[in-house]
Amino acid sequence: MLYAIRDEQGQITSLSAQPVENSTVADIADPDVIHFLSSNSEADSPKELLDKTDTEVSRIIEDLIDLLISKQTILFTDLPEAAQQKLLTRKLARSAYKVDDNNQTVMNNSILGDDDSILF
């Protein structure tokens, strides 16, 4: 269940999975909930919000997989071959295409990332 905390004007200021003081039950399809969740985007519906955040979430998952591999929690070879190929392709593309601190595109011709070892 979803719980909303509202300000004096009735606008949602916080959402929680657990009931907290001054919270009320909220429905994910409620226009106020959708507005709160999409306040940093132009999404008008839950589907549009999901579509707009898919890329961001996929990058988070890629970074999580990289972290798990670097901590030796999982082995890259434990992943299905199709997943290995997709991850390698995306890692190669991400290492070749980076954005600097000024939000400018920087093309990198090296396929090795900053944290990768030199293979000699």
PDB file of N, CA and C in Angstrom:
ATOM      1  N   MET A   1       0.835  -1.167   0.000  1.00  0.00           N
ATOM      2  CA  MET A   1       0.000   0.000   0.000  1.00  0.00           C
ATOM      3  C   MET A   1       0.884   1.235   0.000  1.00  0.00           C
ATOM      4  N   LEU A   2       0.362   2.334  -0.508  1.00  0.00           N
ATOM      5  CA  LEU A   2       1.102   3.582  -0.642  1.00  0.00           C
ATOM      6  C   LEU A   2       0.468   4.630   0.267  1.00  0.00           C
ATOM      7  N   TYR A   3       1.313   5.411   0.935  1.00  0.00           N
ATOM      8  CA  TYR A   3       0.832   6.441   1.848  1.00  0.00           C
ATOM      9  C   TYR A   3       1.425   7.784   1.445  1.00  0.00           C
ATOM     10  N   ALA A   4       0.592   8.830   1.485  1.00  0.00           N
ATOM     11  CA  ALA A   4       1.015  10.167   1.092  1.00  0.00           C
ATOM     12  C   ALA A   4       0.944  11.117   2.280  1.00  0.00           C
ATOM     13  N   ILE A   5       1.920  12.012   2.332  1.00  0.00           N
ATOM     14  CA  ILE A   5       1.896  13.110   3.300  1.00  0.00           C
ATOM     15  C   ILE A   5       1.687  14.378   2.481  1.00  0.00           C
ATOM     16  N   ARG A   6       0.738  15.172   2.899  1.00  0.00           N
ATOM     17  CA  ARG A   6       0.374  16.385   2.153  1.00  0.00           C
ATOM     18  C   ARG A   6       0.651  17.628   2.999  1.00  0.00           C
ATOM     19  N   ASP A   7       0.923  18.737   2.299  1.00  0.00           N
ATOM     20  CA  ASP A   7       1.111  20.016   2.985  1.00  0.00           C
ATOM     21  C   ASP A   7      -0.241  20.691   3.221  1.00  0.00           C
ATOM     22  N   GLU A   8      -0.227  21.924   3.727  1.00  0.00           N
ATOM     23  CA  GLU A   8      -1.455  22.651   4.044  1.00  0.00           C
ATOM     24  C   GLU A   8      -2.321  22.905   2.807  1.00  0.00           C
ATOM     25  N   GLN A   9      -1.696  22.991   1.628  1.00  0.00           N
ATOM     26  CA  GLN A   9      -2.436  23.221   0.389  1.00  0.00           C
ATOM     27  C   GLN A   9      -2.952  21.918  -0.223  1.00  0.00           C
ATOM     28  N   GLY A  10      -2.660  20.793   0.398  1.00  0.00           N
ATOM     29  CA  GLY A  10      -3.117  19.503  -0.105  1.00  0.00           C
ATOM     30  C   GLY A  10      -2.180  18.864  -1.106  1.00  0.00           C
ATOM     31  N   GLN A  11      -1.019  19.481  -1.353  1.00  0.00           N
ATOM     32  CA  GLN A  11      -0.035  18.935  -2.290  1.00  0.00           C
ATOM     33  C   GLN A  11       0.782  17.847  -1.598  1.00  0.00           C
ATOM     34  N   ILE A  12       1.060  16.770  -2.324  1.00  0.00           N
ATOM     35  CA  ILE A  12       1.872  15.686  -1.763  1.00  0.00           C
ATOM     36  C   ILE A  12       3.312  16.152  -1.617  1.00  0.00           C
ATOM     37  N   THR A  13       3.857  15.951  -0.430  1.00  0.00           N
ATOM     38  CA  THR A  13       5.254  16.301  -0.169  1.00  0.00           C
ATOM     39  C   THR A  13       6.134  15.079   0.012  1.00  0.00           C
ATOM     40  N   SER A  14       5.481  13.909   0.245  1.00  0.00           N
ATOM     41  CA  SER A  14       6.243  12.689   0.490  1.00  0.00           C
ATOM     42  C   SER A  14       5.350  11.479   0.266  1.00  0.00           C
ATOM     43  N   LEU A  15       5.955  10.394  -0.202  1.00  0.00           N
ATOM     44  CA  LEU A  15       5.264   9.111  -0.335  1.00  0.00           C
ATOM     45  C   LEU A  15       6.031   8.071   0.453  1.00  0.00           C
ATOM     46  N   SER A  16       5.304   7.107   1.002  1.00  0.00           N
ATOM     47  CA  SER A  16       5.930   6.076   1.810  1.00  0.00           C
ATOM     48  C   SER A  16       5.226   4.743   1.586  1.00  0.00           C
ATOM     49  N   ALA A  17       5.975   3.667   1.724  1.00  0.00           N
ATOM     50  CA  ALA A  17       5.390   2.332   1.635  1.00  0.00           C
ATOM     51  C   ALA A  17       4.782   1.924   2.971  1.00  0.00           C
ATOM     52  N   GLN A  18       5.141   2.638   4.033  1.00  0.00           N
ATOM     53  CA  GLN A  18       4.648   2.353   5.378  1.00  0.00           C
ATOM     54  C   GLN A  18       3.845   3.549   5.882  1.00  0.00           C
ATOM     55  N   PRO A  19       2.808   3.312   6.678  1.00  0.00           N
ATOM     56  CA  PRO A  19       2.080   4.443   7.234  1.00  0.00           C
ATOM     57  C   PRO A  19       2.965   5.220   8.211  1.00  0.00           C
ATOM     58  N   VAL A  20       2.928   6.537   8.091  1.00  0.00           N
ATOM     59  CA  VAL A  20       3.656   7.415   9.003  1.00  0.00           C
ATOM     60  C   VAL A  20       2.675   8.454   9.527  1.00  0.00           C
ATOM     61  N   GLU A  21       3.090   9.206  10.514  1.00  0.00           N
ATOM     62  CA  GLU A  21       2.225  10.210  11.126  1.00  0.00           C
ATOM     63  C   GLU A  21       1.707  11.184  10.064  1.00  0.00           C
ATOM     64  N   ASN A  22       0.422  11.459  10.112  1.00  0.00           N
ATOM     65  CA  ASN A  22      -0.264  12.390   9.209  1.00  0.00           C
ATOM     66  C   ASN A  22      -0.322  11.908   7.763  1.00  0.00           C
ATOM     67  N   SER A  23      -0.118  10.630   7.507  1.00  0.00           N
ATOM     68  CA  SER A  23      -0.203  10.121   6.138  1.00  0.00           C
ATOM     69  C   SER A  23      -1.591   9.570   5.870  1.00  0.00           C
ATOM     70  N   THR A  24      -1.936   9.544   4.593  1.00  0.00           N
ATOM     71  CA  THR A  24      -3.205   8.966   4.162  1.00  0.00           C
ATOM     72  C   THR A  24      -2.924   7.950   3.064  1.00  0.00           C
ATOM     73  N   VAL A  25      -3.823   6.998   2.918  1.00  0.00           N
ATOM     74  CA  VAL A  25      -3.674   5.997   1.863  1.00  0.00           C
ATOM     75  C   VAL A  25      -3.781   6.695   0.519  1.00  0.00           C
ATOM     76  N   ALA A  26      -2.894   6.335  -0.399  1.00  0.00           N
ATOM     77  CA  ALA A  26      -2.895   6.942  -1.734  1.00  0.00           C
ATOM     78  C   ALA A  26      -2.876   5.844  -2.785  1.00  0.00           C
ATOM     79  N   ASP A  27      -3.429   6.160  -3.929  1.00  0.00           N
ATOM     80  CA  ASP A  27      -3.471   5.232  -5.061  1.00  0.00           C
ATOM     81  C   ASP A  27      -2.439   5.682  -6.090  1.00  0.00           C
ATOM     82  N   ILE A  28      -1.686   4.749  -6.626  1.00  0.00           N
ATOM     83  CA  ILE A  28      -0.648   5.083  -7.599  1.00  0.00           C
ATOM     84  C   ILE A  28      -1.233   5.769  -8.831  1.00  0.00           C
ATOM     85  N   ALA A  29      -2.510   5.539  -9.131  1.00  0.00           N
ATOM     86  CA  ALA A  29      -3.146   6.164 -10.291  1.00  0.00           C
ATOM     87  C   ALA A  29      -3.720   7.545  -9.982  1.00  0.00           C
ATOM     88  N   ASP A  30      -3.665   7.966  -8.722  1.00  0.00           N
ATOM     89  CA  ASP A  30      -4.155   9.285  -8.332  1.00  0.00           C
ATOM     90  C   ASP A  30      -3.346  10.357  -9.057  1.00  0.00           C
ATOM     91  N   PRO A  31      -3.998  11.327  -9.698  1.00  0.00           N
ATOM     92  CA  PRO A  31      -3.266  12.385 -10.418  1.00  0.00           C
ATOM     93  C   PRO A  31      -2.266  13.139  -9.540  1.00  0.00           C
ATOM     94  N   ASP A  32      -2.571  13.317  -8.244  1.00  0.00           N
ATOM     95  CA  ASP A  32      -1.623  13.984  -7.342  1.00  0.00           C
ATOM     96  C   ASP A  32      -0.359  13.146  -7.151  1.00  0.00           C
ATOM     97  N   VAL A  33      -0.515  11.830  -7.054  1.00  0.00           N
ATOM     98  CA  VAL A  33       0.643  10.935  -6.913  1.00  0.00           C
ATOM     99  C   VAL A  33       1.478  10.970  -8.189  1.00  0.00           C
ATOM    100  N   ILE A  34       0.827  10.895  -9.326  1.00  0.00           N
ATOM    101  CA  ILE A  34       1.539  10.937 -10.607  1.00  0.00           C
ATOM    102  C   ILE A  34       2.285  12.256 -10.749  1.00  0.00           C
ATOM    103  N   HIS A  35       1.641  13.358 -10.388  1.00  0.00           N
ATOM    104  CA  HIS A  35       2.306  14.667 -10.459  1.00  0.00           C
ATOM    105  C   HIS A  35       3.533  14.701  -9.550  1.00  0.00           C
ATOM    106  N   PHE A  36       3.394  14.171  -8.329  1.00  0.00           N
ATOM    107  CA  PHE A  36       4.520  14.147  -7.400  1.00  0.00           C
ATOM    108  C   PHE A  36       5.677  13.319  -7.960  1.00  0.00           C
ATOM    109  N   LEU A  37       5.375  12.131  -8.485  1.00  0.00           N
ATOM    110  CA  LEU A  37       6.420  11.253  -9.015  1.00  0.00           C
ATOM    111  C   LEU A  37       7.067  11.806 -10.273  1.00  0.00           C
ATOM    112  N   SER A  38       6.335  12.582 -11.035  1.00  0.00           N
ATOM    113  CA  SER A  38       6.868  13.096 -12.296  1.00  0.00           C
ATOM    114  C   SER A  38       7.239  14.570 -12.210  1.00  0.00           C
ATOM    115  N   SER A  39       7.394  15.104 -10.995  1.00  0.00           N
ATOM    116  CA  SER A  39       7.668  16.527 -10.836  1.00  0.00           C
ATOM    117  C   SER A  39       8.971  16.950 -11.506  1.00  0.00           C
ATOM    118  N   ASN A  40       9.897  16.029 -11.739  1.00  0.00           N
ATOM    119  CA  ASN A  40      11.149  16.348 -12.418  1.00  0.00           C
ATOM    120  C   ASN A  40      11.134  15.940 -13.881  1.00  0.00           C
ATOM    121  N   SER A  41       9.962  15.598 -14.396  1.00  0.00           N
ATOM    122  CA  SER A  41       9.870  15.209 -15.796  1.00  0.00           C
ATOM    123  C   SER A  41       8.569  15.738 -16.370  1.00  0.00           C
ATOM    124  N   GLU A  42       8.388  15.527 -17.648  1.00  0.00           N
ATOM    125  CA  GLU A  42       7.181  15.980 -18.337  1.00  0.00           C
ATOM    126  C   GLU A  42       6.158  14.861 -18.463  1.00  0.00           C
ATOM    127  N   ALA A  43       6.345  13.759 -17.770  1.00  0.00           N
ATOM    128  CA  ALA A  43       5.461  12.599 -17.908  1.00  0.00           C
ATOM    129  C   ALA A  43       4.063  12.919 -17.389  1.00  0.00           C
ATOM    130  N   ASP A  44       3.058  12.417 -18.092  1.00  0.00           N
ATOM    131  CA  ASP A  44       1.673  12.645 -17.700  1.00  0.00           C
ATOM    132  C   ASP A  44       0.999  11.391 -17.161  1.00  0.00           C
ATOM    133  N   SER A  45       1.584  10.233 -17.371  1.00  0.00           N
ATOM    134  CA  SER A  45       0.971   8.990 -16.920  1.00  0.00           C
ATOM    135  C   SER A  45       2.060   8.085 -16.357  1.00  0.00           C
ATOM    136  N   PRO A  46       1.664   7.076 -15.583  1.00  0.00           N
ATOM    137  CA  PRO A  46       2.674   6.141 -15.068  1.00  0.00           C
ATOM    138  C   PRO A  46       3.472   5.475 -16.195  1.00  0.00           C
ATOM    139  N   LYS A  47       2.823   5.128 -17.312  1.00  0.00           N
ATOM    140  CA  LYS A  47       3.546   4.503 -18.423  1.00  0.00           C
ATOM    141  C   LYS A  47       4.584   5.457 -19.006  1.00  0.00           C
ATOM    142  N   GLU A  48       4.210   6.729 -19.180  1.00  0.00           N
ATOM    143  CA  GLU A  48       5.165   7.708 -19.700  1.00  0.00           C
ATOM    144  C   GLU A  48       6.329   7.899 -18.735  1.00  0.00           C
ATOM    145  N   LEU A  49       6.027   7.900 -17.445  1.00  0.00           N
ATOM    146  CA  LEU A  49       7.082   8.026 -16.439  1.00  0.00           C
ATOM    147  C   LEU A  49       8.036   6.840 -16.526  1.00  0.00           C
ATOM    148  N   LEU A  50       7.492   5.629 -16.655  1.00  0.00           N
ATOM    149  CA  LEU A  50       8.337   4.439 -16.789  1.00  0.00           C
ATOM    150  C   LEU A  50       9.174   4.505 -18.058  1.00  0.00           C
ATOM    151  N   ASP A  51       8.551   4.884 -19.170  1.00  0.00           N
ATOM    152  CA  ASP A  51       9.282   4.976 -20.434  1.00  0.00           C
ATOM    153  C   ASP A  51      10.434   5.971 -20.343  1.00  0.00           C
ATOM    154  N   LYS A  52      10.204   7.106 -19.693  1.00  0.00           N
ATOM    155  CA  LYS A  52      11.235   8.142 -19.601  1.00  0.00           C
ATOM    156  C   LYS A  52      12.367   7.762 -18.656  1.00  0.00           C
ATOM    157  N   THR A  53      12.112   6.871 -17.699  1.00  0.00           N
ATOM    158  CA  THR A  53      13.159   6.501 -16.745  1.00  0.00           C
ATOM    159  C   THR A  53      13.842   5.178 -17.073  1.00  0.00           C
ATOM    160  N   ASP A  54      13.392   4.473 -18.112  1.00  0.00           N
ATOM    161  CA  ASP A  54      13.992   3.183 -18.468  1.00  0.00           C
ATOM    162  C   ASP A  54      15.498   3.285 -18.696  1.00  0.00           C
ATOM    163  N   THR A  55      15.947   4.280 -19.437  1.00  0.00           N
ATOM    164  CA  THR A  55      17.373   4.426 -19.728  1.00  0.00           C
ATOM    165  C   THR A  55      18.166   4.649 -18.452  1.00  0.00           C
ATOM    166  N   GLU A  56      17.648   5.515 -17.589  1.00  0.00           N
ATOM    167  CA  GLU A  56      18.351   5.799 -16.335  1.00  0.00           C
ATOM    168  C   GLU A  56      18.461   4.551 -15.475  1.00  0.00           C
ATOM    169  N   VAL A  57      17.373   3.804 -15.377  1.00  0.00           N
ATOM    170  CA  VAL A  57      17.372   2.597 -14.556  1.00  0.00           C
ATOM    171  C   VAL A  57      18.297   1.540 -15.156  1.00  0.00           C
ATOM    172  N   SER A  58      18.323   1.426 -16.480  1.00  0.00           N
ATOM    173  CA  SER A  58      19.209   0.428 -17.091  1.00  0.00           C
ATOM    174  C   SER A  58      20.666   0.759 -16.802  1.00  0.00           C
ATOM    175  N   ARG A  59      21.021   2.032 -16.759  1.00  0.00           N
ATOM    176  CA  ARG A  59      22.396   2.414 -16.415  1.00  0.00           C
ATOM    177  C   ARG A  59      22.701   2.091 -14.960  1.00  0.00           C
ATOM    178  N   ILE A  60      21.732   2.277 -14.094  1.00  0.00           N
ATOM    179  CA  ILE A  60      21.920   1.921 -12.688  1.00  0.00           C
ATOM    180  C   ILE A  60      22.167   0.420 -12.564  1.00  0.00           C
ATOM    181  N   ILE A  61      21.388  -0.369 -13.290  1.00  0.00           N
ATOM    182  CA  ILE A  61      21.546  -1.825 -13.242  1.00  0.00           C
ATOM    183  C   ILE A  61      22.905  -2.233 -13.798  1.00  0.00           C
ATOM    184  N   GLU A  62      23.339  -1.614 -14.892  1.00  0.00           N
ATOM    185  CA  GLU A  62      24.672  -1.910 -15.429  1.00  0.00           C
ATOM    186  C   GLU A  62      25.747  -1.604 -14.395  1.00  0.00           C
ATOM    187  N   ASP A  63      25.639  -0.442 -13.753  1.00  0.00           N
ATOM    188  CA  ASP A  63      26.620  -0.072 -12.734  1.00  0.00           C
ATOM    189  C   ASP A  63      26.576  -1.030 -11.546  1.00  0.00           C
ATOM    190  N   LEU A  64      25.390  -1.477 -11.176  1.00  0.00           N
ATOM    191  CA  LEU A  64      25.245  -2.447 -10.086  1.00  0.00           C
ATOM    192  C   LEU A  64      25.918  -3.766 -10.453  1.00  0.00           C
ATOM    193  N   ILE A  65      25.712  -4.227 -11.678  1.00  0.00           N
ATOM    194  CA  ILE A  65      26.355  -5.470 -12.127  1.00  0.00           C
ATOM    195  C   ILE A  65      27.867  -5.306 -12.106  1.00  0.00           C
ATOM    196  N   ASP A  66      28.383  -4.159 -12.589  1.00  0.00           N
ATOM    197  CA  ASP A  66      29.824  -3.900 -12.548  1.00  0.00           C
ATOM    198  C   ASP A  66      30.343  -3.936 -11.116  1.00  0.00           C
ATOM    199  N   LEU A  67      29.588  -3.347 -10.194  1.00  0.00           N
ATOM    200  CA  LEU A  67      29.997  -3.340  -8.786  1.00  0.00           C
ATOM    201  C   LEU A  67      30.030  -4.749  -8.217  1.00  0.00           C
ATOM    202  N   LEU A  68      28.991  -5.540  -8.484  1.00  0.00           N
ATOM    203  CA  LEU A  68      28.947  -6.915  -7.983  1.00  0.00           C
ATOM    204  C   LEU A  68      30.102  -7.752  -8.540  1.00  0.00           C
ATOM    205  N   ILE A  69      30.446  -7.516  -9.799  1.00  0.00           N
ATOM    206  CA  ILE A  69      31.566  -8.240 -10.405  1.00  0.00           C
ATOM    207  C   ILE A  69      32.883  -7.779  -9.780  1.00  0.00           C
ATOM    208  N   SER A  70      33.051  -6.473  -9.592  1.00  0.00           N
ATOM    209  CA  SER A  70      34.309  -5.975  -9.023  1.00  0.00           C
ATOM    210  C   SER A  70      34.499  -6.439  -7.578  1.00  0.00           C
ATOM    211  N   LYS A  71      33.400  -6.626  -6.853  1.00  0.00           N
ATOM    212  CA  LYS A  71      33.478  -7.125  -5.471  1.00  0.00           C
ATOM    213  C   LYS A  71      33.517  -8.655  -5.429  1.00  0.00           C
ATOM    214  N   GLN A  72      33.508  -9.273  -6.599  1.00  0.00           N
ATOM    215  CA  GLN A  72      33.538 -10.720  -6.763  1.00  0.00           C
ATOM    216  C   GLN A  72      32.356 -11.402  -6.081  1.00  0.00           C
ATOM    217  N   THR A  73      31.214 -10.697  -6.055  1.00  0.00           N
ATOM    218  CA  THR A  73      29.985 -11.284  -5.545  1.00  0.00           C
ATOM    219  C   THR A  73      29.399 -12.217  -6.590  1.00  0.00           C
ATOM    220  N   ILE A  74      29.526 -11.810  -7.845  1.00  0.00           N
ATOM    221  CA  ILE A  74      29.151 -12.668  -8.968  1.00  0.00           C
ATOM    222  C   ILE A  74      30.296 -12.659  -9.967  1.00  0.00           C
ATOM    223  N   LEU A  75      30.319 -13.662 -10.801  1.00  0.00           N
ATOM    224  CA  LEU A  75      31.286 -13.719 -11.895  1.00  0.00           C
ATOM    225  C   LEU A  75      30.577 -13.320 -13.176  1.00  0.00           C
ATOM    226  N   PHE A  76      31.274 -12.579 -14.019  1.00  0.00           N
ATOM    227  CA  PHE A  76      30.700 -12.179 -15.299  1.00  0.00           C
ATOM    228  C   PHE A  76      30.231 -13.403 -16.077  1.00  0.00           C
ATOM    229  N   THR A  77      31.001 -14.485 -15.989  1.00  0.00           N
ATOM    230  CA  THR A  77      30.654 -15.708 -16.722  1.00  0.00           C
ATOM    231  C   THR A  77      29.450 -16.435 -16.137  1.00  0.00           C
ATOM    232  N   ASP A  78      28.984 -16.025 -14.947  1.00  0.00           N
ATOM    233  CA  ASP A  78      27.762 -16.587 -14.378  1.00  0.00           C
ATOM    234  C   ASP A  78      26.519 -16.092 -15.121  1.00  0.00           C
ATOM    235  N   LEU A  79      26.654 -14.958 -15.778  1.00  0.00           N
ATOM    236  CA  LEU A  79      25.523 -14.385 -16.510  1.00  0.00           C
ATOM    237  C   LEU A  79      25.284 -15.166 -17.792  1.00  0.00           C
ATOM    238  N   PRO A  80      24.043 -15.209 -18.267  1.00  0.00           N
ATOM    239  CA  PRO A  80      23.780 -15.869 -19.549  1.00  0.00           C
ATOM    240  C   PRO A  80      24.587 -15.203 -20.672  1.00  0.00           C
ATOM    241  N   GLU A  81      24.959 -15.976 -21.664  1.00  0.00           N
ATOM    242  CA  GLU A  81      25.806 -15.453 -22.744  1.00  0.00           C
ATOM    243  C   GLU A  81      25.186 -14.239 -23.426  1.00  0.00           C
ATOM    244  N   ALA A  82      23.868 -14.251 -23.629  1.00  0.00           N
ATOM    245  CA  ALA A  82      23.201 -13.111 -24.272  1.00  0.00           C
ATOM    246  C   ALA A  82      23.360 -11.849 -23.416  1.00  0.00           C
ATOM    247  N   ALA A  83      23.252 -12.004 -22.107  1.00  0.00           N
ATOM    248  CA  ALA A  83      23.426 -10.861 -21.204  1.00  0.00           C
ATOM    249  C   ALA A  83      24.874 -10.377 -21.236  1.00  0.00           C
ATOM    250  N   GLN A  84      25.824 -11.311 -21.270  1.00  0.00           N
ATOM    251  CA  GLN A  84      27.233 -10.933 -21.357  1.00  0.00           C
ATOM    252  C   GLN A  84      27.491 -10.094 -22.599  1.00  0.00           C
ATOM    253  N   GLN A  85      26.964 -10.535 -23.739  1.00  0.00           N
ATOM    254  CA  GLN A  85      27.176  -9.810 -25.000  1.00  0.00           C
ATOM    255  C   GLN A  85      26.573  -8.410 -24.940  1.00  0.00           C
ATOM    256  N   LYS A  86      25.366  -8.296 -24.425  1.00  0.00           N
ATOM    257  CA  LYS A  86      24.707  -6.983 -24.333  1.00  0.00           C
ATOM    258  C   LYS A  86      25.471  -6.051 -23.401  1.00  0.00           C
ATOM    259  N   LEU A  87      25.914  -6.572 -22.261  1.00  0.00           N
ATOM    260  CA  LEU A  87      26.659  -5.752 -21.320  1.00  0.00           C
ATOM    261  C   LEU A  87      27.993  -5.313 -21.897  1.00  0.00           C
ATOM    262  N   LEU A  88      28.690  -6.212 -22.585  1.00  0.00           N
ATOM    263  CA  LEU A  88      29.964  -5.850 -23.209  1.00  0.00           C
ATOM    264  C   LEU A  88      29.770  -4.785 -24.282  1.00  0.00           C
ATOM    265  N   THR A  89      28.739  -4.924 -25.076  1.00  0.00           N
ATOM    266  CA  THR A  89      28.462  -3.947 -26.130  1.00  0.00           C
ATOM    267  C   THR A  89      28.171  -2.581 -25.516  1.00  0.00           C
ATOM    268  N   ARG A  90      27.352  -2.547 -24.475  1.00  0.00           N
ATOM    269  CA  ARG A  90      27.022  -1.269 -23.829  1.00  0.00           C
ATOM    270  C   ARG A  90      28.231  -0.675 -23.109  1.00  0.00           C
ATOM    271  N   LYS A  91      29.047  -1.534 -22.487  1.00  0.00           N
ATOM    272  CA  LYS A  91      30.250  -1.023 -21.808  1.00  0.00           C
ATOM    273  C   LYS A  91      31.197  -0.398 -22.823  1.00  0.00           C
ATOM    274  N   LEU A  92      31.338  -1.037 -23.960  1.00  0.00           N
ATOM    275  CA  LEU A  92      32.184  -0.503 -25.027  1.00  0.00           C
ATOM    276  C   LEU A  92      31.649   0.840 -25.514  1.00  0.00           C
ATOM    277  N   ALA A  93      30.345   0.917 -25.745  1.00  0.00           N
ATOM    278  CA  ALA A  93      29.739   2.165 -26.215  1.00  0.00           C
ATOM    279  C   ALA A  93      29.848   3.257 -25.162  1.00  0.00           C
ATOM    280  N   ARG A  94      29.613   2.920 -23.903  1.00  0.00           N
ATOM    281  CA  ARG A  94      29.699   3.921 -22.832  1.00  0.00           C
ATOM    282  C   ARG A  94      31.120   4.407 -22.629  1.00  0.00           C
ATOM    283  N   SER A  95      32.106   3.529 -22.823  1.00  0.00           N
ATOM    284  CA  SER A  95      33.495   3.962 -22.650  1.00  0.00           C
ATOM    285  C   SER A  95      33.947   4.836 -23.811  1.00  0.00           C
ATOM    286  N   ALA A  96      33.348   4.660 -24.975  1.00  0.00           N
ATOM    287  CA  ALA A  96      33.703   5.468 -26.140  1.00  0.00           C
ATOM    288  C   ALA A  96      32.958   6.798 -26.150  1.00  0.00           C
ATOM    289  N   TYR A  97      31.852   6.891 -25.447  1.00  0.00           N
ATOM    290  CA  TYR A  97      31.014   8.091 -25.453  1.00  0.00           C
ATOM    291  C   TYR A  97      30.802   8.545 -24.021  1.00  0.00           C
ATOM    292  N   LYS A  98      31.448   9.617 -23.644  1.00  0.00           N
ATOM    293  CA  LYS A  98      31.324  10.120 -22.284  1.00  0.00           C
ATOM    294  C   LYS A  98      30.957  11.597 -22.325  1.00  0.00           C
ATOM    295  N   VAL A  99      30.435  12.096 -21.215  1.00  0.00           N
ATOM    296  CA  VAL A  99      30.091  13.506 -21.071  1.00  0.00           C
ATOM    297  C   VAL A  99      30.959  14.072 -19.962  1.00  0.00           C
ATOM    298  N   ASP A 100      31.592  15.253 -20.230  1.00  0.00           N
ATOM    299  CA  ASP A 100      32.468  15.847 -19.225  1.00  0.00           C
ATOM    300  C   ASP A 100      31.662  16.656 -18.208  1.00  0.00           C
ATOM    301  N   ASP A 101      32.355  17.334 -17.297  1.00  0.00           N
ATOM    302  CA  ASP A 101      31.698  18.092 -16.225  1.00  0.00           C
ATOM    303  C   ASP A 101      30.845  19.246 -16.753  1.00  0.00           C
ATOM    304  N   ASN A 102      31.144  19.717 -17.958  1.00  0.00           N
ATOM    305  CA  ASN A 102      30.378  20.814 -18.563  1.00  0.00           C
ATOM    306  C   ASN A 102      29.269  20.305 -19.463  1.00  0.00           C
ATOM    307  N   ASN A 103      28.926  19.015 -19.334  1.00  0.00           N
ATOM    308  CA  ASN A 103      27.873  18.371 -20.117  1.00  0.00           C
ATOM    309  C   ASN A 103      28.188  18.366 -21.607  1.00  0.00           C
ATOM    310  N   GLN A 104      29.475  18.328 -21.942  1.00  0.00           N
ATOM    311  CA  GLN A 104      29.921  18.264 -23.327  1.00  0.00           C
ATOM    312  C   GLN A 104      30.335  16.831 -23.653  1.00  0.00           C
ATOM    313  N   THR A 105      30.010  16.384 -24.863  1.00  0.00           N
ATOM    314  CA  THR A 105      30.353  15.039 -25.288  1.00  0.00           C
ATOM    315  C   THR A 105      31.858  14.937 -25.516  1.00  0.00           C
ATOM    316  N   VAL A 106      32.447  13.895 -24.959  1.00  0.00           N
ATOM    317  CA  VAL A 106      33.871  13.625 -25.135  1.00  0.00           C
ATOM    318  C   VAL A 106      33.983  12.247 -25.751  1.00  0.00           C
ATOM    319  N   MET A 107      34.546  12.171 -26.932  1.00  0.00           N
ATOM    320  CA  MET A 107      34.729  10.879 -27.585  1.00  0.00           C
ATOM    321  C   MET A 107      36.043  10.286 -27.117  1.00  0.00           C
ATOM    322  N   ASN A 108      35.987   9.032 -26.718  1.00  0.00           N
ATOM    323  CA  ASN A 108      37.149   8.316 -26.216  1.00  0.00           C
ATOM    324  C   ASN A 108      37.367   7.125 -27.133  1.00  0.00           C
ATOM    325  N   ASN A 109      38.497   7.074 -27.780  1.00  0.00           N
ATOM    326  CA  ASN A 109      38.753   5.988 -28.716  1.00  0.00           C
ATOM    327  C   ASN A 109      39.238   4.712 -28.052  1.00  0.00           C
ATOM    328  N   SER A 110      39.543   4.771 -26.761  1.00  0.00           N
ATOM    329  CA  SER A 110      39.992   3.591 -26.037  1.00  0.00           C
ATOM    330  C   SER A 110      38.797   2.771 -25.577  1.00  0.00           C
ATOM    331  N   ILE A 111      38.904   1.459 -25.696  1.00  0.00           N
ATOM    332  CA  ILE A 111      37.825   0.608 -25.197  1.00  0.00           C
ATOM    333  C   ILE A 111      38.028   0.259 -23.733  1.00  0.00           C
ATOM    334  N   LEU A 112      39.189   0.618 -23.161  1.00  0.00           N
ATOM    335  CA  LEU A 112      39.433   0.356 -21.751  1.00  0.00           C
ATOM    336  C   LEU A 112      38.933   1.520 -20.931  1.00  0.00           C
ATOM    337  N   GLY A 113      38.173   1.254 -19.900  1.00  0.00           N
ATOM    338  CA  GLY A 113      37.704   2.307 -19.013  1.00  0.00           C
ATOM    339  C   GLY A 113      38.813   2.702 -18.058  1.00  0.00           C
ATOM    340  N   ASP A 114      38.566   3.781 -17.305  1.00  0.00           N
ATOM    341  CA  ASP A 114      39.555   4.258 -16.350  1.00  0.00           C
ATOM    342  C   ASP A 114      39.892   3.213 -15.295  1.00  0.00           C
ATOM    343  N   ASP A 115      38.918   2.363 -14.978  1.00  0.00           N
ATOM    344  CA  ASP A 115      39.148   1.389 -13.919  1.00  0.00           C
ATOM    345  C   ASP A 115      39.590   0.024 -14.447  1.00  0.00           C
ATOM    346  N   ASP A 116      39.729  -0.074 -15.772  1.00  0.00           N
ATOM    347  CA  ASP A 116      40.141  -1.347 -16.349  1.00  0.00           C
ATOM    348  C   ASP A 116      41.666  -1.476 -16.325  1.00  0.00           C
ATOM    349  N   SER A 117      42.116  -2.688 -16.227  1.00  0.00           N
ATOM    350  CA  SER A 117      43.555  -2.950 -16.224  1.00  0.00           C
ATOM    351  C   SER A 117      44.083  -2.983 -17.636  1.00  0.00           C
ATOM    352  N   ILE A 118      45.352  -2.652 -17.781  1.00  0.00           N
ATOM    353  CA  ILE A 118      45.988  -2.793 -19.091  1.00  0.00           C
ATOM    354  C   ILE A 118      46.289  -4.256 -19.289  1.00  0.00           C
ATOM    355  N   LEU A 119      45.939  -4.755 -20.450  1.00  0.00           N
ATOM    356  CA  LEU A 119      46.042  -6.184 -20.711  1.00  0.00           C
ATOM    357  C   LEU A 119      47.360  -6.504 -21.428  1.00  0.00           C
ATOM    358  N   PHE A 120      48.427  -6.677 -20.711  1.00  0.00           N
ATOM    359  CA  PHE A 120      49.723  -7.060 -21.284  1.00  0.00           C
ATOM    360  C   PHE A 120      50.148  -8.368 -20.658  1.00  0.00           C
TER     361      PHE A 120
END
